[in-house]
Amino acid sequence: MSYMVDLHLAGKMVLVVGGGRLAEAHAEQLLVAGARLRVVAPELTTGMAKVVEAAGLEWVERDYRADDLADAWLVLALTDDPATNAAICREADEAGRLVCGDGDGYRGNIGLPAVLRRGSVLIAASAGVPHLARQILLELEEDFGPEWAEYANRLDALHDRIAAVPEGMERQRLIHRLTSPAVLGLVRSGDTAEWQEHLEAAIAHLPERV
């Protein structure tokens, strides 16, 4: 059994071993999370090369070596060779790193769930059969469309004003108003003007700046 956590990667060094399509997909998500990336691979696919160039990533153009782990906080073993990935995972695990790999062998000490991102909202699903997790998220895509990103971003923008409210019942009541079933229903229906009006009414008594 596993225990799912939400990693805060801003500024953390992440070592990505591999330059294929899987590495490309993870690199894009890691960049959104604010991680620092180092890519180790003898060659890159066209797509991965574009990601590296666009983001100005460090690319070490060779095969993986043990000393690549030196300053890595998280390691992703994503080469095309499952045996190589397993070996990297074991080495990284023994070195005390968080590590996940692709393949049928040893896959490290953490797993990477399938993720649906809507702004700052992450909906994750994990299953013994990864395809099942992806299918679950496909089912959820219609219920959680892009309108949720706008709502989540607005709540994020209100963070400091909410935090200025003394802890206790007053803050709890405010949070409940901002995330009430009525407001979530308006978000789900796509009625942006209405949920924005509800939020503005809820925070009208708060100072503009903290």
N, C-alpha and C. Protein backbone atom coordinates (compact mmCIF):
# COMPACT_ATOMS: atom_id res chain seq x y z
N MET A 1 0.84 -1.20 0.00
CA MET A 1 0.00 0.00 0.00
C MET A 1 0.88 1.25 0.00
N SER A 2 0.36 2.31 -0.58
CA SER A 2 1.13 3.55 -0.67
C SER A 2 0.40 4.68 0.04
N TYR A 3 1.11 5.78 0.23
CA TYR A 3 0.57 6.96 0.88
C TYR A 3 0.86 8.14 -0.03
N MET A 4 -0.19 8.77 -0.54
CA MET A 4 -0.02 9.83 -1.53
C MET A 4 0.30 11.16 -0.86
N VAL A 5 1.28 11.87 -1.40
CA VAL A 5 1.66 13.19 -0.88
C VAL A 5 1.73 14.18 -2.05
N ASP A 6 1.78 15.46 -1.70
CA ASP A 6 1.89 16.54 -2.68
C ASP A 6 3.26 17.18 -2.49
N LEU A 7 4.17 16.94 -3.41
CA LEU A 7 5.54 17.44 -3.27
C LEU A 7 5.63 18.89 -3.74
N HIS A 8 6.28 19.71 -2.94
CA HIS A 8 6.53 21.10 -3.32
C HIS A 8 7.95 21.16 -3.90
N LEU A 9 8.03 21.35 -5.22
CA LEU A 9 9.30 21.20 -5.92
C LEU A 9 9.94 22.52 -6.33
N ALA A 10 9.34 23.63 -5.98
CA ALA A 10 9.91 24.92 -6.40
C ALA A 10 11.36 25.05 -5.93
N GLY A 11 12.25 25.23 -6.88
CA GLY A 11 13.67 25.39 -6.58
C GLY A 11 14.43 24.11 -6.32
N LYS A 12 13.74 22.96 -6.29
CA LYS A 12 14.40 21.68 -6.04
C LYS A 12 15.05 21.15 -7.32
N MET A 13 16.22 20.51 -7.16
CA MET A 13 16.89 19.92 -8.31
C MET A 13 16.30 18.54 -8.61
N VAL A 14 15.82 18.37 -9.81
CA VAL A 14 15.26 17.09 -10.24
C VAL A 14 16.11 16.56 -11.38
N LEU A 15 16.60 15.35 -11.21
CA LEU A 15 17.41 14.69 -12.24
C LEU A 15 16.50 13.82 -13.09
N VAL A 16 16.45 14.10 -14.38
CA VAL A 16 15.67 13.31 -15.32
C VAL A 16 16.66 12.54 -16.19
N VAL A 17 16.64 11.22 -16.07
CA VAL A 17 17.54 10.39 -16.86
C VAL A 17 16.74 9.80 -18.01
N GLY A 18 17.04 10.26 -19.21
CA GLY A 18 16.31 9.83 -20.39
C GLY A 18 15.86 11.03 -21.20
N GLY A 19 15.80 10.85 -22.51
CA GLY A 19 15.45 11.97 -23.36
C GLY A 19 14.32 11.67 -24.33
N GLY A 20 13.45 10.73 -23.97
CA GLY A 20 12.36 10.33 -24.84
C GLY A 20 11.05 11.02 -24.52
N ARG A 21 9.96 10.46 -25.07
CA ARG A 21 8.64 11.08 -24.92
C ARG A 21 8.16 11.07 -23.47
N LEU A 22 8.49 10.01 -22.74
CA LEU A 22 8.08 9.96 -21.33
C LEU A 22 8.79 11.03 -20.53
N ALA A 23 10.06 11.20 -20.78
CA ALA A 23 10.83 12.24 -20.11
C ALA A 23 10.27 13.62 -20.45
N GLU A 24 9.87 13.79 -21.70
CA GLU A 24 9.31 15.06 -22.15
C GLU A 24 8.04 15.40 -21.38
N ALA A 25 7.15 14.41 -21.24
CA ALA A 25 5.88 14.65 -20.54
C ALA A 25 6.12 15.04 -19.08
N HIS A 26 7.03 14.34 -18.42
CA HIS A 26 7.31 14.65 -17.02
C HIS A 26 8.04 15.97 -16.88
N ALA A 27 8.93 16.28 -17.80
CA ALA A 27 9.68 17.53 -17.73
C ALA A 27 8.73 18.73 -17.77
N GLU A 28 7.74 18.66 -18.63
CA GLU A 28 6.79 19.77 -18.74
C GLU A 28 6.03 19.97 -17.43
N GLN A 29 5.61 18.88 -16.79
CA GLN A 29 4.90 18.99 -15.52
C GLN A 29 5.81 19.50 -14.40
N LEU A 30 7.05 19.05 -14.41
CA LEU A 30 7.99 19.49 -13.38
C LEU A 30 8.30 20.98 -13.51
N LEU A 31 8.37 21.47 -14.73
CA LEU A 31 8.62 22.90 -14.94
C LEU A 31 7.45 23.73 -14.43
N VAL A 32 6.23 23.25 -14.64
CA VAL A 32 5.07 23.95 -14.12
C VAL A 32 5.14 24.03 -12.60
N ALA A 33 5.68 22.97 -11.97
CA ALA A 33 5.80 22.93 -10.51
C ALA A 33 6.96 23.77 -9.99
N GLY A 34 7.75 24.35 -10.89
CA GLY A 34 8.83 25.23 -10.47
C GLY A 34 10.15 24.54 -10.16
N ALA A 35 10.28 23.27 -10.55
CA ALA A 35 11.51 22.53 -10.25
C ALA A 35 12.66 22.98 -11.15
N ARG A 36 13.88 22.77 -10.67
CA ARG A 36 15.08 22.93 -11.49
C ARG A 36 15.39 21.56 -12.09
N LEU A 37 15.62 21.52 -13.40
CA LEU A 37 15.81 20.23 -14.06
C LEU A 37 17.19 20.08 -14.66
N ARG A 38 17.74 18.89 -14.49
CA ARG A 38 18.93 18.49 -15.21
C ARG A 38 18.59 17.21 -15.97
N VAL A 39 18.82 17.22 -17.27
CA VAL A 39 18.50 16.07 -18.12
C VAL A 39 19.80 15.38 -18.50
N VAL A 40 19.86 14.08 -18.23
CA VAL A 40 21.03 13.28 -18.60
C VAL A 40 20.59 12.25 -19.63
N ALA A 41 21.10 12.37 -20.83
CA ALA A 41 20.74 11.44 -21.91
C ALA A 41 21.71 11.64 -23.08
N PRO A 42 22.11 10.56 -23.74
CA PRO A 42 23.01 10.71 -24.88
C PRO A 42 22.37 11.40 -26.07
N GLU A 43 21.04 11.32 -26.16
CA GLU A 43 20.33 12.00 -27.24
C GLU A 43 18.90 12.32 -26.79
N LEU A 44 18.26 13.26 -27.51
CA LEU A 44 16.92 13.69 -27.18
C LEU A 44 16.01 13.53 -28.38
N THR A 45 14.75 13.22 -28.11
CA THR A 45 13.77 13.26 -29.19
C THR A 45 13.56 14.72 -29.60
N THR A 46 12.94 14.92 -30.73
CA THR A 46 12.69 16.29 -31.20
C THR A 46 11.87 17.07 -30.18
N GLY A 47 10.84 16.41 -29.63
CA GLY A 47 10.00 17.09 -28.65
C GLY A 47 10.74 17.45 -27.39
N MET A 48 11.57 16.52 -26.90
CA MET A 48 12.33 16.79 -25.68
C MET A 48 13.35 17.88 -25.92
N ALA A 49 13.96 17.88 -27.10
CA ALA A 49 14.94 18.92 -27.43
C ALA A 49 14.29 20.30 -27.41
N LYS A 50 13.04 20.38 -27.86
CA LYS A 50 12.33 21.65 -27.85
C LYS A 50 12.06 22.11 -26.42
N VAL A 51 11.70 21.17 -25.54
CA VAL A 51 11.47 21.51 -24.13
C VAL A 51 12.76 22.03 -23.49
N VAL A 52 13.86 21.32 -23.74
CA VAL A 52 15.15 21.71 -23.17
C VAL A 52 15.56 23.10 -23.64
N GLU A 53 15.40 23.34 -24.94
CA GLU A 53 15.80 24.63 -25.49
C GLU A 53 14.89 25.76 -25.00
N ALA A 54 13.58 25.52 -25.02
CA ALA A 54 12.63 26.56 -24.63
C ALA A 54 12.79 26.97 -23.17
N ALA A 55 13.06 25.99 -22.31
CA ALA A 55 13.17 26.27 -20.88
C ALA A 55 14.60 26.54 -20.44
N GLY A 56 15.57 26.42 -21.37
CA GLY A 56 16.96 26.63 -21.02
C GLY A 56 17.48 25.61 -20.02
N LEU A 57 17.05 24.35 -20.17
CA LEU A 57 17.44 23.32 -19.21
C LEU A 57 18.88 22.86 -19.42
N GLU A 58 19.45 22.37 -18.35
CA GLU A 58 20.78 21.79 -18.42
C GLU A 58 20.68 20.39 -19.02
N TRP A 59 21.37 20.14 -20.11
CA TRP A 59 21.37 18.82 -20.74
C TRP A 59 22.78 18.26 -20.71
N VAL A 60 22.96 17.14 -20.02
CA VAL A 60 24.24 16.45 -19.96
C VAL A 60 24.19 15.35 -21.02
N GLU A 61 24.94 15.55 -22.09
CA GLU A 61 24.81 14.70 -23.28
C GLU A 61 25.69 13.44 -23.15
N ARG A 62 25.23 12.52 -22.33
CA ARG A 62 25.93 11.25 -22.14
C ARG A 62 25.02 10.31 -21.36
N ASP A 63 25.50 9.09 -21.12
CA ASP A 63 24.76 8.14 -20.29
C ASP A 63 24.87 8.53 -18.81
N TYR A 64 23.95 8.03 -18.03
CA TYR A 64 23.93 8.28 -16.58
C TYR A 64 25.18 7.76 -15.89
N ARG A 65 25.63 8.51 -14.87
CA ARG A 65 26.71 8.07 -13.98
C ARG A 65 26.26 8.28 -12.54
N ALA A 66 26.82 7.50 -11.64
CA ALA A 66 26.42 7.57 -10.23
C ALA A 66 26.58 8.96 -9.64
N ASP A 67 27.60 9.71 -10.08
CA ASP A 67 27.82 11.03 -9.50
C ASP A 67 26.77 12.05 -9.93
N ASP A 68 25.89 11.67 -10.86
CA ASP A 68 24.80 12.56 -11.25
C ASP A 68 23.81 12.76 -10.09
N LEU A 69 23.85 11.85 -9.12
CA LEU A 69 22.93 11.94 -7.98
C LEU A 69 23.35 12.98 -6.96
N ALA A 70 24.54 13.52 -7.09
CA ALA A 70 25.15 14.33 -6.03
C ALA A 70 24.22 15.40 -5.46
N ASP A 71 23.60 16.23 -6.30
CA ASP A 71 22.76 17.31 -5.78
C ASP A 71 21.29 17.14 -6.14
N ALA A 72 20.92 15.93 -6.55
CA ALA A 72 19.53 15.69 -6.94
C ALA A 72 18.64 15.48 -5.72
N TRP A 73 17.50 16.14 -5.71
CA TRP A 73 16.51 15.96 -4.64
C TRP A 73 15.52 14.87 -5.02
N LEU A 74 15.21 14.82 -6.32
CA LEU A 74 14.30 13.82 -6.87
C LEU A 74 14.91 13.29 -8.16
N VAL A 75 14.77 11.98 -8.39
CA VAL A 75 15.35 11.34 -9.57
C VAL A 75 14.25 10.60 -10.33
N LEU A 76 14.21 10.82 -11.64
CA LEU A 76 13.29 10.08 -12.50
C LEU A 76 14.11 9.29 -13.50
N ALA A 77 13.98 7.96 -13.45
CA ALA A 77 14.72 7.08 -14.36
C ALA A 77 13.78 6.71 -15.51
N LEU A 78 13.95 7.38 -16.65
CA LEU A 78 12.99 7.26 -17.74
C LEU A 78 13.66 6.92 -19.07
N THR A 79 14.67 6.08 -19.03
CA THR A 79 15.31 5.65 -20.28
C THR A 79 14.42 4.62 -20.96
N ASP A 80 14.83 4.19 -22.14
CA ASP A 80 14.07 3.17 -22.87
C ASP A 80 14.39 1.75 -22.41
N ASP A 81 15.34 1.62 -21.49
CA ASP A 81 15.78 0.30 -21.03
C ASP A 81 15.32 0.07 -19.59
N PRO A 82 14.33 -0.84 -19.36
CA PRO A 82 13.83 -1.10 -18.00
C PRO A 82 14.93 -1.53 -17.02
N ALA A 83 15.90 -2.32 -17.50
CA ALA A 83 16.97 -2.78 -16.61
C ALA A 83 17.82 -1.60 -16.15
N THR A 84 18.10 -0.69 -17.05
CA THR A 84 18.86 0.51 -16.68
C THR A 84 18.08 1.34 -15.67
N ASN A 85 16.79 1.50 -15.91
CA ASN A 85 15.95 2.27 -14.99
C ASN A 85 15.95 1.65 -13.60
N ALA A 86 15.84 0.32 -13.54
CA ALA A 86 15.82 -0.37 -12.25
C ALA A 86 17.13 -0.17 -11.51
N ALA A 87 18.25 -0.23 -12.24
CA ALA A 87 19.56 -0.05 -11.62
C ALA A 87 19.71 1.36 -11.07
N ILE A 88 19.25 2.35 -11.83
CA ILE A 88 19.32 3.74 -11.38
C ILE A 88 18.46 3.92 -10.13
N CYS A 89 17.27 3.31 -10.14
CA CYS A 89 16.36 3.43 -8.99
C CYS A 89 16.99 2.86 -7.73
N ARG A 90 17.62 1.70 -7.84
CA ARG A 90 18.25 1.09 -6.68
C ARG A 90 19.40 1.95 -6.16
N GLU A 91 20.18 2.48 -7.10
CA GLU A 91 21.33 3.31 -6.70
C GLU A 91 20.86 4.59 -6.02
N ALA A 92 19.84 5.21 -6.58
CA ALA A 92 19.32 6.45 -6.02
C ALA A 92 18.66 6.20 -4.66
N ASP A 93 17.94 5.10 -4.55
CA ASP A 93 17.30 4.75 -3.28
C ASP A 93 18.36 4.55 -2.19
N GLU A 94 19.41 3.83 -2.51
CA GLU A 94 20.49 3.60 -1.54
C GLU A 94 21.19 4.90 -1.15
N ALA A 95 21.16 5.88 -2.07
CA ALA A 95 21.80 7.17 -1.79
C ALA A 95 20.86 8.11 -1.03
N GLY A 96 19.65 7.62 -0.71
CA GLY A 96 18.71 8.43 0.06
C GLY A 96 17.92 9.43 -0.74
N ARG A 97 17.79 9.22 -2.05
CA ARG A 97 17.03 10.14 -2.90
C ARG A 97 15.61 9.62 -3.10
N LEU A 98 14.68 10.54 -3.33
CA LEU A 98 13.37 10.15 -3.82
C LEU A 98 13.55 9.76 -5.28
N VAL A 99 13.03 8.61 -5.68
CA VAL A 99 13.27 8.15 -7.05
C VAL A 99 12.10 7.34 -7.56
N CYS A 100 11.84 7.51 -8.84
CA CYS A 100 10.80 6.74 -9.51
C CYS A 100 11.30 6.40 -10.90
N GLY A 101 11.01 5.19 -11.35
CA GLY A 101 11.46 4.76 -12.66
C GLY A 101 10.36 4.12 -13.47
N ASP A 102 10.62 3.95 -14.74
CA ASP A 102 9.67 3.32 -15.64
C ASP A 102 10.14 1.92 -16.00
N GLY A 103 9.21 0.97 -16.04
CA GLY A 103 9.58 -0.39 -16.43
C GLY A 103 8.96 -1.43 -15.52
N ASP A 104 9.33 -2.69 -15.76
CA ASP A 104 8.76 -3.80 -15.00
C ASP A 104 9.62 -4.21 -13.80
N GLY A 105 10.83 -3.67 -13.69
CA GLY A 105 11.70 -4.03 -12.57
C GLY A 105 11.45 -3.14 -11.37
N TYR A 106 12.49 -2.96 -10.55
CA TYR A 106 12.37 -2.10 -9.38
C TYR A 106 12.12 -0.66 -9.84
N ARG A 107 11.06 -0.04 -9.30
CA ARG A 107 10.64 1.27 -9.79
C ARG A 107 10.82 2.38 -8.77
N GLY A 108 11.65 2.15 -7.76
CA GLY A 108 11.97 3.22 -6.83
C GLY A 108 11.14 3.23 -5.58
N ASN A 109 11.29 4.30 -4.79
CA ASN A 109 10.62 4.40 -3.50
C ASN A 109 9.39 5.30 -3.51
N ILE A 110 9.06 5.89 -4.66
CA ILE A 110 7.82 6.65 -4.79
C ILE A 110 7.17 6.29 -6.12
N GLY A 111 5.89 6.58 -6.24
CA GLY A 111 5.19 6.40 -7.50
C GLY A 111 4.68 7.74 -7.98
N LEU A 112 4.52 7.90 -9.28
CA LEU A 112 4.00 9.14 -9.84
C LEU A 112 2.59 8.88 -10.35
N PRO A 113 1.58 9.45 -9.68
CA PRO A 113 0.20 9.21 -10.09
C PRO A 113 -0.13 9.93 -11.39
N ALA A 114 -1.21 9.51 -12.01
CA ALA A 114 -1.75 10.26 -13.14
C ALA A 114 -2.37 11.53 -12.57
N VAL A 115 -2.18 12.67 -13.26
CA VAL A 115 -2.59 13.95 -12.69
C VAL A 115 -3.41 14.75 -13.69
N LEU A 116 -4.48 15.35 -13.18
CA LEU A 116 -5.28 16.31 -13.93
C LEU A 116 -5.06 17.66 -13.27
N ARG A 117 -4.55 18.64 -14.00
CA ARG A 117 -4.22 19.95 -13.44
C ARG A 117 -5.22 20.99 -13.92
N ARG A 118 -5.74 21.74 -12.96
CA ARG A 118 -6.61 22.87 -13.25
C ARG A 118 -6.10 24.05 -12.42
N GLY A 119 -5.21 24.83 -13.01
CA GLY A 119 -4.59 25.90 -12.25
C GLY A 119 -3.77 25.31 -11.12
N SER A 120 -4.05 25.77 -9.90
CA SER A 120 -3.32 25.25 -8.75
C SER A 120 -3.98 23.99 -8.18
N VAL A 121 -5.07 23.55 -8.80
CA VAL A 121 -5.75 22.34 -8.35
C VAL A 121 -5.17 21.13 -9.08
N LEU A 122 -4.72 20.14 -8.31
CA LEU A 122 -4.23 18.89 -8.87
C LEU A 122 -5.13 17.76 -8.41
N ILE A 123 -5.65 17.01 -9.36
CA ILE A 123 -6.45 15.83 -9.05
C ILE A 123 -5.63 14.63 -9.47
N ALA A 124 -5.26 13.78 -8.51
CA ALA A 124 -4.36 12.67 -8.79
C ALA A 124 -5.07 11.34 -8.59
N ALA A 125 -4.69 10.37 -9.42
CA ALA A 125 -5.22 9.01 -9.30
C ALA A 125 -4.07 8.03 -9.46
N SER A 126 -4.04 7.02 -8.60
CA SER A 126 -3.01 6.00 -8.66
C SER A 126 -3.66 4.63 -8.57
N ALA A 127 -3.16 3.68 -9.33
CA ALA A 127 -3.70 2.32 -9.31
C ALA A 127 -2.59 1.35 -9.68
N GLY A 128 -2.78 0.10 -9.29
CA GLY A 128 -1.79 -0.92 -9.63
C GLY A 128 -1.60 -1.04 -11.12
N VAL A 129 -2.68 -0.80 -11.87
CA VAL A 129 -2.62 -0.76 -13.34
C VAL A 129 -2.69 0.71 -13.74
N PRO A 130 -1.58 1.32 -14.15
CA PRO A 130 -1.56 2.76 -14.45
C PRO A 130 -2.64 3.19 -15.44
N HIS A 131 -2.98 2.32 -16.39
CA HIS A 131 -3.99 2.69 -17.38
C HIS A 131 -5.33 2.99 -16.70
N LEU A 132 -5.64 2.27 -15.62
CA LEU A 132 -6.89 2.53 -14.89
C LEU A 132 -6.88 3.93 -14.31
N ALA A 133 -5.76 4.35 -13.73
CA ALA A 133 -5.67 5.70 -13.17
C ALA A 133 -5.90 6.75 -14.25
N ARG A 134 -5.32 6.53 -15.41
CA ARG A 134 -5.50 7.50 -16.51
C ARG A 134 -6.95 7.54 -16.97
N GLN A 135 -7.60 6.38 -17.01
CA GLN A 135 -9.00 6.33 -17.44
C GLN A 135 -9.90 7.05 -16.43
N ILE A 136 -9.59 6.92 -15.14
CA ILE A 136 -10.38 7.61 -14.12
C ILE A 136 -10.30 9.12 -14.32
N LEU A 137 -9.10 9.61 -14.61
CA LEU A 137 -8.95 11.05 -14.81
C LEU A 137 -9.64 11.52 -16.09
N LEU A 138 -9.65 10.67 -17.10
CA LEU A 138 -10.39 11.02 -18.32
C LEU A 138 -11.88 11.20 -18.01
N GLU A 139 -12.39 10.35 -17.10
CA GLU A 139 -13.78 10.47 -16.70
C GLU A 139 -14.03 11.79 -15.96
N LEU A 140 -13.03 12.26 -15.23
CA LEU A 140 -13.19 13.47 -14.42
C LEU A 140 -12.98 14.76 -15.21
N GLU A 141 -12.40 14.66 -16.40
CA GLU A 141 -12.08 15.86 -17.17
C GLU A 141 -13.31 16.70 -17.47
N GLU A 142 -14.44 16.03 -17.76
CA GLU A 142 -15.66 16.77 -18.09
C GLU A 142 -16.22 17.49 -16.85
N ASP A 143 -16.09 16.85 -15.68
CA ASP A 143 -16.61 17.47 -14.45
C ASP A 143 -15.72 18.60 -13.96
N PHE A 144 -14.44 18.53 -14.28
CA PHE A 144 -13.50 19.56 -13.83
C PHE A 144 -12.80 20.16 -15.04
N GLY A 145 -13.51 21.06 -15.70
CA GLY A 145 -12.99 21.70 -16.90
C GLY A 145 -12.11 22.90 -16.57
N PRO A 146 -11.72 23.67 -17.58
CA PRO A 146 -10.81 24.80 -17.38
C PRO A 146 -11.37 25.90 -16.49
N GLU A 147 -12.71 25.92 -16.30
CA GLU A 147 -13.30 26.94 -15.43
C GLU A 147 -12.80 26.82 -13.98
N TRP A 148 -12.39 25.60 -13.60
CA TRP A 148 -11.89 25.41 -12.23
C TRP A 148 -10.53 26.07 -12.03
N ALA A 149 -9.76 26.21 -13.09
CA ALA A 149 -8.47 26.88 -12.97
C ALA A 149 -8.66 28.35 -12.63
N GLU A 150 -9.64 28.99 -13.26
CA GLU A 150 -9.89 30.41 -12.99
C GLU A 150 -10.34 30.60 -11.55
N TYR A 151 -11.20 29.72 -11.08
CA TYR A 151 -11.69 29.81 -9.69
C TYR A 151 -10.54 29.59 -8.71
N ALA A 152 -9.73 28.55 -8.95
CA ALA A 152 -8.61 28.26 -8.05
C ALA A 152 -7.61 29.41 -8.04
N ASN A 153 -7.35 30.00 -9.20
CA ASN A 153 -6.41 31.11 -9.27
C ASN A 153 -6.93 32.33 -8.49
N ARG A 154 -8.25 32.52 -8.52
CA ARG A 154 -8.83 33.65 -7.77
C ARG A 154 -8.68 33.42 -6.27
N LEU A 155 -8.92 32.20 -5.82
CA LEU A 155 -8.73 31.89 -4.40
C LEU A 155 -7.28 32.08 -4.00
N ASP A 156 -6.35 31.65 -4.85
CA ASP A 156 -4.93 31.84 -4.56
C ASP A 156 -4.60 33.32 -4.39
N ALA A 157 -5.20 34.16 -5.24
CA ALA A 157 -4.94 35.60 -5.17
C ALA A 157 -5.46 36.21 -3.87
N LEU A 158 -6.44 35.55 -3.25
CA LEU A 158 -7.02 36.05 -2.00
C LEU A 158 -6.31 35.51 -0.76
N HIS A 159 -5.28 34.71 -0.95
CA HIS A 159 -4.65 34.02 0.17
C HIS A 159 -4.22 34.96 1.29
N ASP A 160 -3.53 36.04 0.95
CA ASP A 160 -3.02 36.94 1.98
C ASP A 160 -4.15 37.63 2.74
N ARG A 161 -5.22 37.98 2.04
CA ARG A 161 -6.34 38.63 2.70
C ARG A 161 -7.06 37.67 3.63
N ILE A 162 -7.16 36.41 3.21
CA ILE A 162 -7.79 35.40 4.06
C ILE A 162 -6.91 35.13 5.28
N ALA A 163 -5.60 35.05 5.06
CA ALA A 163 -4.67 34.76 6.15
C ALA A 163 -4.66 35.87 7.19
N ALA A 164 -5.06 37.09 6.79
CA ALA A 164 -5.07 38.20 7.73
C ALA A 164 -6.23 38.12 8.72
N VAL A 165 -7.22 37.30 8.39
CA VAL A 165 -8.36 37.12 9.31
C VAL A 165 -7.90 36.25 10.48
N PRO A 166 -8.15 36.67 11.72
CA PRO A 166 -7.70 35.87 12.88
C PRO A 166 -8.19 34.43 12.80
N GLU A 167 -7.32 33.52 13.21
CA GLU A 167 -7.71 32.11 13.20
C GLU A 167 -8.89 31.90 14.13
N GLY A 168 -9.74 30.98 13.74
CA GLY A 168 -10.92 30.69 14.56
C GLY A 168 -12.17 30.65 13.71
N MET A 169 -13.31 30.86 14.35
CA MET A 169 -14.59 30.71 13.66
C MET A 169 -14.76 31.71 12.52
N GLU A 170 -14.25 32.93 12.71
CA GLU A 170 -14.43 33.94 11.66
C GLU A 170 -13.75 33.50 10.36
N ARG A 171 -12.50 33.00 10.47
CA ARG A 171 -11.81 32.55 9.26
C ARG A 171 -12.49 31.31 8.67
N GLN A 172 -12.93 30.41 9.54
CA GLN A 172 -13.60 29.21 9.06
C GLN A 172 -14.89 29.57 8.30
N ARG A 173 -15.65 30.52 8.83
CA ARG A 173 -16.87 30.93 8.15
C ARG A 173 -16.56 31.54 6.79
N LEU A 174 -15.48 32.33 6.73
CA LEU A 174 -15.10 32.95 5.46
C LEU A 174 -14.72 31.88 4.44
N ILE A 175 -13.90 30.93 4.85
CA ILE A 175 -13.47 29.87 3.93
C ILE A 175 -14.67 29.05 3.45
N HIS A 176 -15.59 28.79 4.36
CA HIS A 176 -16.79 28.04 3.98
C HIS A 176 -17.63 28.81 2.96
N ARG A 177 -17.70 30.13 3.11
CA ARG A 177 -18.45 30.94 2.14
C ARG A 177 -17.77 30.92 0.76
N LEU A 178 -16.45 30.98 0.77
CA LEU A 178 -15.71 31.00 -0.50
C LEU A 178 -15.75 29.66 -1.23
N THR A 179 -15.96 28.58 -0.49
CA THR A 179 -15.93 27.25 -1.10
C THR A 179 -17.24 26.49 -0.86
N SER A 180 -18.32 27.21 -0.69
CA SER A 180 -19.60 26.59 -0.38
C SER A 180 -20.12 25.78 -1.58
N PRO A 181 -21.00 24.81 -1.34
CA PRO A 181 -21.59 24.06 -2.45
C PRO A 181 -22.26 24.96 -3.49
N ALA A 182 -22.84 26.07 -3.02
CA ALA A 182 -23.49 26.99 -3.95
C ALA A 182 -22.47 27.61 -4.91
N VAL A 183 -21.33 28.03 -4.36
CA VAL A 183 -20.28 28.63 -5.19
C VAL A 183 -19.71 27.58 -6.15
N LEU A 184 -19.43 26.37 -5.63
CA LEU A 184 -18.88 25.32 -6.48
C LEU A 184 -19.86 24.95 -7.59
N GLY A 185 -21.15 25.01 -7.30
CA GLY A 185 -22.15 24.74 -8.33
C GLY A 185 -22.10 25.78 -9.44
N LEU A 186 -21.87 27.03 -9.07
CA LEU A 186 -21.76 28.10 -10.08
C LEU A 186 -20.50 27.91 -10.92
N VAL A 187 -19.40 27.50 -10.27
CA VAL A 187 -18.17 27.24 -11.01
C VAL A 187 -18.41 26.11 -12.00
N ARG A 188 -19.03 25.05 -11.53
CA ARG A 188 -19.28 23.87 -12.37
C ARG A 188 -20.18 24.22 -13.57
N SER A 189 -21.12 25.14 -13.35
CA SER A 189 -22.05 25.51 -14.42
C SER A 189 -21.41 26.48 -15.41
N GLY A 190 -20.26 27.00 -15.06
CA GLY A 190 -19.58 27.94 -15.94
C GLY A 190 -20.05 29.37 -15.80
N ASP A 191 -20.82 29.65 -14.73
CA ASP A 191 -21.34 31.00 -14.51
C ASP A 191 -20.29 31.84 -13.76
N THR A 192 -19.30 32.27 -14.50
CA THR A 192 -18.17 32.97 -13.89
C THR A 192 -18.56 34.25 -13.18
N ALA A 193 -19.41 35.02 -13.80
CA ALA A 193 -19.81 36.30 -13.20
C ALA A 193 -20.48 36.09 -11.85
N GLU A 194 -21.30 35.04 -11.74
CA GLU A 194 -22.03 34.78 -10.49
C GLU A 194 -21.10 34.36 -9.36
N TRP A 195 -20.17 33.40 -9.65
CA TRP A 195 -19.30 32.97 -8.55
C TRP A 195 -18.33 34.08 -8.15
N GLN A 196 -17.92 34.89 -9.13
CA GLN A 196 -17.06 36.00 -8.79
C GLN A 196 -17.78 37.01 -7.88
N GLU A 197 -19.08 37.22 -8.16
CA GLU A 197 -19.88 38.12 -7.33
C GLU A 197 -20.00 37.60 -5.90
N HIS A 198 -20.18 36.28 -5.77
CA HIS A 198 -20.26 35.67 -4.44
C HIS A 198 -18.94 35.84 -3.68
N LEU A 199 -17.83 35.63 -4.36
CA LEU A 199 -16.53 35.78 -3.71
C LEU A 199 -16.29 37.22 -3.28
N GLU A 200 -16.62 38.16 -4.16
CA GLU A 200 -16.39 39.56 -3.83
C GLU A 200 -17.25 39.99 -2.64
N ALA A 201 -18.47 39.47 -2.57
CA ALA A 201 -19.34 39.80 -1.44
C ALA A 201 -18.77 39.24 -0.15
N ALA A 202 -18.18 38.05 -0.22
CA ALA A 202 -17.64 37.40 0.98
C ALA A 202 -16.43 38.12 1.54
N ILE A 203 -15.65 38.78 0.67
CA ILE A 203 -14.41 39.42 1.12
C ILE A 203 -14.53 40.94 1.17
N ALA A 204 -15.73 41.45 0.95
CA ALA A 204 -15.90 42.90 0.85
C ALA A 204 -15.44 43.62 2.11
N HIS A 205 -15.55 42.97 3.27
CA HIS A 205 -15.18 43.63 4.53
C HIS A 205 -13.70 43.54 4.85
N LEU A 206 -12.95 42.80 4.02
CA LEU A 206 -11.51 42.62 4.29
C LEU A 206 -10.70 43.77 3.67
N PRO A 207 -9.59 44.15 4.30
CA PRO A 207 -8.75 45.20 3.72
C PRO A 207 -8.19 44.75 2.37
N GLU A 208 -8.01 45.71 1.46
CA GLU A 208 -7.52 45.40 0.12
C GLU A 208 -6.10 44.85 0.17
N ARG A 209 -5.26 45.41 1.01
CA ARG A 209 -3.86 44.99 1.11
C ARG A 209 -3.54 44.64 2.55
N VAL A 210 -2.64 43.64 2.67
CA VAL A 210 -2.23 43.20 4.00
C VAL A 210 -0.82 43.72 4.27
